[in-house]
Protein backbone atom coordinates (compact mmCIF):
# COMPACT_ATOMS: atom_id res chain seq x y z
CA MET A 1 60.62 -0.38 45.35
CA ASP A 2 60.04 -4.28 45.61
CA GLU A 3 57.52 -4.27 48.63
CA ASN A 4 57.29 -8.03 49.07
CA ALA A 5 60.88 -8.35 49.32
CA ILE A 6 61.00 -5.39 52.16
CA THR A 7 57.82 -7.34 53.98
CA LYS A 8 59.87 -10.49 54.40
CA LEU A 9 62.97 -8.86 55.48
CA LYS A 10 61.63 -7.01 57.97
CA LYS A 11 59.06 -9.82 59.12
CA ASP A 12 62.65 -12.30 59.54
CA LEU A 13 64.80 -9.73 60.94
CA HIS A 14 61.84 -9.68 63.81
CA ARG A 15 62.02 -13.17 64.01
CA HIS A 16 66.11 -12.80 64.54
CA LYS A 17 66.45 -14.84 61.64
CA ASN A 18 70.55 -15.65 60.64
CA LYS A 19 70.06 -17.05 57.21
CA ILE A 20 67.47 -15.08 55.34
CA THR A 21 66.96 -15.38 51.80
CA ILE A 22 65.15 -12.62 49.33
CA ASP A 23 63.95 -12.99 45.73
CA SER A 24 64.25 -9.35 44.18
CA PHE A 25 66.24 -7.76 41.94
CA GLU A 26 66.47 -4.38 43.83
CA PRO A 27 69.89 -3.73 45.25
CA ILE A 28 69.87 -5.15 49.04
CA GLN A 29 70.87 -1.90 50.13
CA SER A 30 67.67 -0.23 48.80
CA ILE A 31 65.71 -3.19 50.40
CA LEU A 32 67.54 -2.44 53.90
CA SER A 33 66.93 1.03 53.48
CA ALA A 34 63.23 0.76 53.26
CA VAL A 35 63.34 -1.56 56.07
CA TYR A 36 65.07 0.69 58.45
CA GLU A 37 63.09 3.84 57.29
CA SER A 38 59.71 1.96 58.13
CA ASP A 39 60.55 0.35 61.32
CA PRO A 40 64.26 1.92 62.38
CA LYS A 41 64.02 0.35 65.91
CA LEU A 42 65.86 -2.40 64.16
CA LEU A 43 68.76 -0.33 63.77
CA TYR A 44 69.33 -1.48 67.41
CA TYR A 45 69.39 -4.96 67.00
CA VAL A 46 70.65 -5.52 63.70
CA SER A 47 74.37 -5.79 64.16
CA THR A 48 76.01 -6.74 60.87
CA ILE A 49 74.40 -8.23 57.46
CA SER A 50 76.48 -9.50 54.87
CA ASP A 51 74.90 -10.36 51.26
CA MET A 52 76.11 -13.11 48.66
CA PRO A 53 73.97 -12.20 45.53
CA PHE A 54 73.29 -14.62 43.10
CA ILE A 55 71.19 -13.39 39.83
CA LYS A 56 67.94 -12.33 41.42
CA ARG A 57 68.39 -14.05 44.99
CA HIS A 58 69.76 -12.60 48.08
CA THR A 59 71.53 -14.83 50.91
CA LEU A 60 72.09 -12.82 53.96
CA THR A 61 73.83 -13.61 56.95
CA VAL A 62 72.63 -11.30 60.18
CA GLU A 63 73.57 -11.17 63.48
CA TYR A 64 72.02 -9.40 66.19
CA GLU A 65 72.93 -7.36 69.51
CA ASN A 66 70.87 -6.26 72.33
CA LEU A 67 67.99 -8.65 72.53
CA ASP A 68 67.79 -8.56 76.09
CA VAL A 69 66.19 -4.90 75.62
CA LYS A 70 62.58 -5.09 74.56
CA ARG A 71 61.19 -2.79 71.48
CA ASN A 72 58.90 -0.89 73.83
CA GLU A 73 61.99 -0.14 76.32
CA ILE A 74 63.40 2.18 73.06
CA THR A 75 61.83 5.42 73.49
CA TYR A 76 60.54 7.66 70.74
CA ILE A 77 62.07 11.37 70.93
CA LYS A 78 60.75 14.03 68.55
CA THR A 79 62.23 17.36 70.07
CA GLU A 80 65.29 18.38 72.02
CA ASP A 81 62.42 18.80 74.71
CA GLN A 82 61.36 15.55 75.17
CA CYS A 83 65.06 14.26 75.31
CA LEU A 84 65.55 16.54 78.49
CA ASN A 85 62.04 15.32 80.11
CA VAL A 86 63.06 11.68 79.37
CA PHE A 87 66.57 12.08 81.22
CA CYS A 88 64.84 13.66 84.24
CA LYS A 89 62.06 11.23 84.43
CA TYR A 90 64.50 8.36 83.99
CA ILE A 91 67.45 9.40 85.98
CA SER A 92 65.17 10.28 88.78
CA GLU A 93 64.35 6.59 88.75
CA TYR A 94 67.77 5.35 88.55
CA LYS A 95 67.75 3.82 85.49
CA LYS A 96 70.86 2.25 84.42
CA LYS A 97 69.98 2.27 80.44
CA ILE A 98 68.04 4.61 78.45
CA VAL A 99 67.58 3.65 74.61
CA ILE A 100 66.54 6.58 72.76
CA LEU A 101 65.28 6.92 68.78
CA ALA A 102 65.06 10.00 66.87
CA ASN A 103 65.28 11.76 63.91
CA LYS A 104 68.76 12.39 62.77
CA ALA A 105 67.55 16.23 62.86
CA THR A 106 67.12 16.47 66.29
CA ASP A 107 70.14 16.97 68.28
CA ILE A 108 69.91 14.21 70.94
CA ILE A 109 73.48 14.12 71.70
CA GLY A 110 73.30 18.22 72.34
CA ALA A 111 70.20 17.69 74.55
CA VAL A 112 71.89 14.93 76.53
CA LYS A 113 74.71 17.33 77.10
CA MET A 114 72.58 20.27 78.09
CA PHE A 115 70.76 17.92 80.64
CA HIS A 116 74.66 17.08 81.79
CA ASN A 117 75.77 20.57 81.90
CA GLU A 118 72.81 22.48 83.18
CA LEU A 119 70.41 19.90 85.71
CA TYR A 120 73.90 17.80 86.63
CA GLY A 121 73.52 19.33 90.38
CA PHE A 122 70.27 18.80 90.43
CA TYR A 123 70.55 15.06 90.76
CA SER A 124 73.59 14.59 92.57
CA ASN A 125 73.17 10.68 92.84
CA TYR A 126 74.07 11.11 88.82
CA SER A 127 77.47 11.18 88.20
CA GLY A 128 78.19 10.89 84.27
CA TYR A 129 77.04 8.70 81.52
CA SER A 130 78.70 6.76 78.07
CA VAL A 131 76.84 7.00 74.87
CA THR A 132 76.57 4.27 71.89
CA THR A 133 75.05 5.42 68.49
CA TYR A 134 73.47 3.09 66.47
CA SER A 135 72.98 4.02 62.52
CA ARG A 136 73.72 3.15 59.18
CA LYS A 137 74.58 4.66 56.06
CA SER A 138 71.14 3.23 54.22
CA CYS A 139 69.08 4.98 56.98
CA GLU A 140 69.44 8.68 55.97
CA ASN A 141 66.60 9.73 58.87
CA TYR A 142 67.04 8.06 62.24
CA ALA A 143 69.31 6.96 64.81
CA VAL A 144 69.59 4.70 67.94
CA TYR A 145 71.14 6.32 71.19
CA GLU A 146 72.28 4.14 74.02
CA TYR A 147 73.25 5.58 77.13
CA THR A 148 74.41 4.07 80.10
CA ILE A 149 74.17 5.73 83.22
CA LYS A 150 76.22 6.00 86.34
CA TYR A 151 75.23 6.84 90.04
CA ARG A 152 77.23 7.96 93.05
CA ILE A 153 75.15 5.45 95.15
CA GLY A 154 74.93 1.58 93.97
CA SER A 155 72.22 -0.53 93.43
CA VAL A 156 72.60 -2.54 96.48
CA LYS A 157 72.46 0.62 98.91
CA LEU A 158 69.65 1.87 96.62
CA LYS A 159 67.66 -1.20 97.19
CA PHE A 160 67.95 -1.22 101.35
CA MET A 161 67.12 2.90 101.20
CA GLU A 162 64.20 2.00 99.26
CA GLN A 163 62.92 -0.46 101.72
CA GLU A 164 63.37 2.14 104.33
CA VAL A 165 61.20 4.44 102.14
CA ASP A 166 58.70 1.73 101.22
CA ALA A 167 57.89 1.07 104.90
CA GLU A 168 58.10 4.97 105.96
CA VAL A 169 55.31 5.35 103.33
CA ASP A 170 52.90 2.95 104.52
CA ARG A 171 53.10 4.12 108.23
CA LEU A 172 52.73 7.39 107.28
CA ALA A 173 49.80 6.17 105.09
CA LYS A 174 48.05 4.47 107.88
CA LEU A 175 48.51 7.39 110.16
CA LEU A 176 47.63 10.13 107.97
CA PHE A 177 45.36 8.86 105.16
CA GLN A 178 42.03 7.31 107.78
CA PRO A 179 39.10 6.48 106.29
CA GLY A 180 36.56 9.09 105.96
CA LEU A 181 39.06 11.62 104.29
CA ASN A 182 38.64 13.00 100.98
CA ASP A 183 41.73 13.27 98.45
CA ALA A 184 41.97 17.23 99.09
CA ALA A 185 42.39 16.13 102.89
CA LYS A 186 44.78 13.44 102.15
CA ALA A 187 47.05 16.04 100.09
CA TYR A 188 46.34 18.64 103.18
CA LEU A 189 47.76 16.28 105.46
CA ALA A 190 50.77 14.94 103.55
CA HIS A 191 51.66 18.54 102.88
CA ASN A 192 51.75 19.74 106.56
CA TYR A 193 53.72 16.65 107.46
CA LEU A 194 56.52 17.52 105.35
CA ALA A 195 56.37 21.12 105.41
CA THR A 196 56.28 20.84 109.68
CA ASN A 197 58.73 17.24 110.04
CA VAL A 198 61.56 18.01 107.59
CA LYS A 199 64.12 19.95 107.59
CA TYR A 200 65.27 22.19 104.26
CA VAL A 201 68.94 21.65 103.99
CA LEU A 202 71.90 22.88 101.58
CA ASN A 203 74.44 20.22 102.43
CA ARG A 204 77.65 20.66 100.35
CA LYS A 205 79.71 18.63 102.74
CA ASN A 206 80.14 15.50 99.89
CA SER A 207 78.40 14.78 97.23
CA LEU A 208 76.91 11.36 98.83
CA VAL A 209 75.01 13.74 101.38
CA THR A 210 73.36 15.97 98.79
CA SER A 211 72.22 12.86 96.98
CA TYR A 212 70.43 12.32 99.97
CA THR A 213 68.85 15.30 100.12
CA GLN A 214 67.62 15.34 96.83
CA SER A 215 65.41 11.85 97.50
CA ALA A 216 62.34 10.97 98.96
CA TYR A 217 64.94 9.47 101.28
CA GLY A 218 66.47 12.27 102.54
CA ALA A 219 62.96 13.41 103.57
CA LEU A 220 61.67 10.07 104.80
CA ILE A 221 64.25 8.83 106.74
CA ARG A 222 66.78 11.59 107.31
CA LYS A 223 64.31 14.23 107.66
CA GLU A 224 66.35 16.87 105.69
CA CYS A 225 65.88 17.65 102.04
CA VAL A 226 65.87 20.04 99.66
CA CYS A 227 63.07 21.22 97.05
CA GLN A 228 63.28 17.96 95.57
CA GLY A 229 62.95 16.03 98.46
CA TYR A 230 59.92 17.07 99.24
CA ALA A 231 58.65 16.72 96.03
CA GLU A 232 59.80 13.31 95.64
CA ALA A 233 58.07 12.57 99.27
CA PHE A 234 55.16 14.23 98.27
CA LYS A 235 54.57 12.02 95.19
CA ARG A 236 55.18 8.74 96.80
CA LEU A 237 52.51 9.53 99.87
CA MET A 238 50.30 10.30 97.04
CA ASP A 239 50.99 7.40 95.21
CA VAL A 240 50.11 5.19 98.08
CA ALA A 241 46.59 6.99 98.46
CA ASN A 242 46.13 6.32 95.12
CA ILE A 243 46.06 10.65 94.00
CA LYS A 244 48.05 11.20 90.46
CA CYS A 245 50.54 13.46 91.14
CA GLU A 246 53.77 13.99 89.31
CA VAL A 247 57.16 16.09 89.86
CA VAL A 248 57.84 19.43 87.99
CA ILE A 249 61.06 20.71 87.58
CA GLY A 250 61.07 24.32 86.83
CA LYS A 251 62.48 27.70 88.05
CA CYS A 252 61.67 30.41 90.05
CA ILE A 253 61.75 34.01 88.18
CA PRO A 254 64.23 35.66 88.40
CA SER A 255 66.53 32.77 89.60
CA THR A 256 68.44 30.65 87.34
CA GLY A 257 68.50 27.92 89.48
CA LEU A 258 66.16 24.93 89.47
CA HIS A 259 63.02 24.04 91.67
CA ALA A 260 60.73 21.64 91.98
CA TRP A 261 57.36 20.59 93.32
CA ASN A 262 54.13 18.84 92.48
CA ILE A 263 51.39 18.85 90.17
CA ILE A 264 48.35 16.71 91.99
CA TYR A 265 44.78 15.50 90.43
CA ILE A 266 41.89 16.34 92.55
CA GLU A 267 38.50 14.98 91.31
CA GLY A 268 39.95 15.29 87.95
CA ARG A 269 41.23 18.68 87.90
CA ALA A 270 45.09 19.41 88.18
CA TYR A 271 47.03 21.76 90.72
CA HIS A 272 50.55 22.87 91.73
CA ILE A 273 51.83 22.22 95.23
CA ASP A 274 54.91 23.70 96.24
CA VAL A 275 55.81 21.56 99.97
CA THR A 276 59.27 23.64 99.83
CA TRP A 277 57.87 27.03 99.71
CA ASP A 278 55.02 26.03 102.56
CA VAL A 279 57.58 24.91 104.97
CA ALA A 280 57.56 25.85 108.22
CA ASN A 281 58.58 25.48 112.10
CA SER A 282 55.19 23.93 113.68
CA GLN A 283 52.42 25.24 111.75
CA ALA A 284 52.66 24.97 107.62
CA SER A 285 51.79 27.84 105.58
CA MET A 286 49.42 26.65 102.90
CA LYS A 287 50.05 29.25 99.99
CA TYR A 288 51.37 27.12 98.08
CA PHE A 289 48.54 24.48 98.51
CA CYS A 290 46.59 23.73 95.09
CA VAL A 291 47.28 26.85 93.40
CA ASN A 292 46.78 26.94 89.42
CA ASP A 293 48.84 28.03 86.37
CA LYS A 294 47.74 31.65 86.71
CA PHE A 295 48.96 31.89 90.53
CA PHE A 296 52.70 31.44 89.27
CA THR A 297 52.24 34.07 86.24
CA GLY A 298 55.79 36.09 85.99
CA LYS A 299 56.91 34.00 89.33
CA ARG A 300 57.93 30.44 87.83
CA LYS A 301 58.62 28.67 84.48
CA TRP A 302 58.47 25.39 83.59
CA ASN A 303 57.78 23.01 80.64
CA TYR A 304 54.07 24.06 79.74
CA SER A 305 53.77 21.60 77.23
CA TYR A 306 54.98 18.82 79.10
CA TYR A 307 53.01 18.98 82.36
CA PRO A 308 49.49 19.22 82.51
CA LYS A 309 47.75 22.62 82.42
CA CYS A 310 46.20 23.61 85.99
CA LYS A 311 43.24 25.99 85.15
CA ALA A 312 40.90 25.13 87.71
CA LEU A 313 39.63 28.34 90.43
CA ASP A 314 38.13 25.76 93.02
CA SER A 315 39.21 26.15 96.60
CA VAL A 316 40.88 22.43 97.57
CA LEU A 317 42.16 24.05 100.53
CA GLU A 318 38.54 24.94 102.01
CA SER A 319 37.44 21.76 100.61
CA ALA A 320 40.26 20.17 102.80
CA ARG A 321 39.88 22.00 105.84
CA LYS A 322 36.37 21.06 105.94
CA ASN A 323 36.36 17.58 105.44
CA ILE A 324 39.25 17.78 108.26
CA SER A 325 37.33 19.19 110.55
CA LYS A 326 34.56 16.64 109.92
CA ASN A 327 36.76 14.13 111.20
CA ARG A 328 39.03 16.24 113.65
CA VAL A 329 37.75 14.18 116.65
CA MET A 330 38.88 10.72 114.82
CA LEU A 331 42.18 11.95 113.44
CA LEU A 332 42.98 12.84 117.21
CA LYS A 333 41.80 9.75 118.53
CA ASN A 334 43.66 7.63 115.81
CA LYS A 335 46.96 10.06 116.73
CA VAL A 336 47.22 12.17 114.05
CA PRO A 337 49.27 15.35 115.54
CA SER A 338 47.23 18.09 116.25
CA ASN A 339 49.71 20.48 114.21
CA LEU A 340 48.65 18.82 110.95
CA ILE A 341 45.45 19.15 111.50
């Protein structure tokens, strides 16, 4: 294979040159195949290539597309599970376009259909998708899939909703995250606020209301939500407290339905927190506050390979309560409700 020709063609394609000359006795399809196999993201950008060969020289005319999408916005997927996780993450962030690069042996189309069929109800603002596949005969191993995602709530309304959520998160952070509190205490107060001030509802009146209940907007603004709303709201509060936190999507055994909760990092160690299952009328339960994987043995299923392992046995609850007790007078003076303490 003519490595010089491959290197030159790849470089010129990266520069989006419309006229490219290649000096090589190799067939242009062989050179192009080698370029795509070594850099398959080019499949997404190169629209058409026409060749006018003359003895040793190939004169290529190239047209491009999708140049508004940066290369780092193309996500390389190795497995169907990774595809599901990417869709869950991006749709929860209301991404309108998801671009995936994958080996053709990976069933991306099937994985996305599985997401649509099995997780559809879990993301009620999501209403469907269309897909465009970018592949070539000269590239045997890879394809790029561009998914355009449709939502029920439009971008303008979402922007206003996001502003409301940001303002409420800021208000709660100033109230709850007082100086002198450690991360365990901050997580404790955020957990207790959501568990005692937000009502768990299963509202099936219409899809728009259901969209609210499955979001931080439902929890923080409308004060009613389902499990995902609690998890999203808790993460937003932890984000502003600079405490690493993730939303987990899994199942409660033996139920076949989906459930959401959080994994949080306290002093570098990961723990599960499930606000939904600690909801109470006035005083929050702490049963599901900072527990480890073993606590959920036989009770929960989630993607163990994707989410961090929660192995710690430390009593974060005890640490939180000691810190809260130490700062109790200050917290009450600053109008933190006593039922949260």
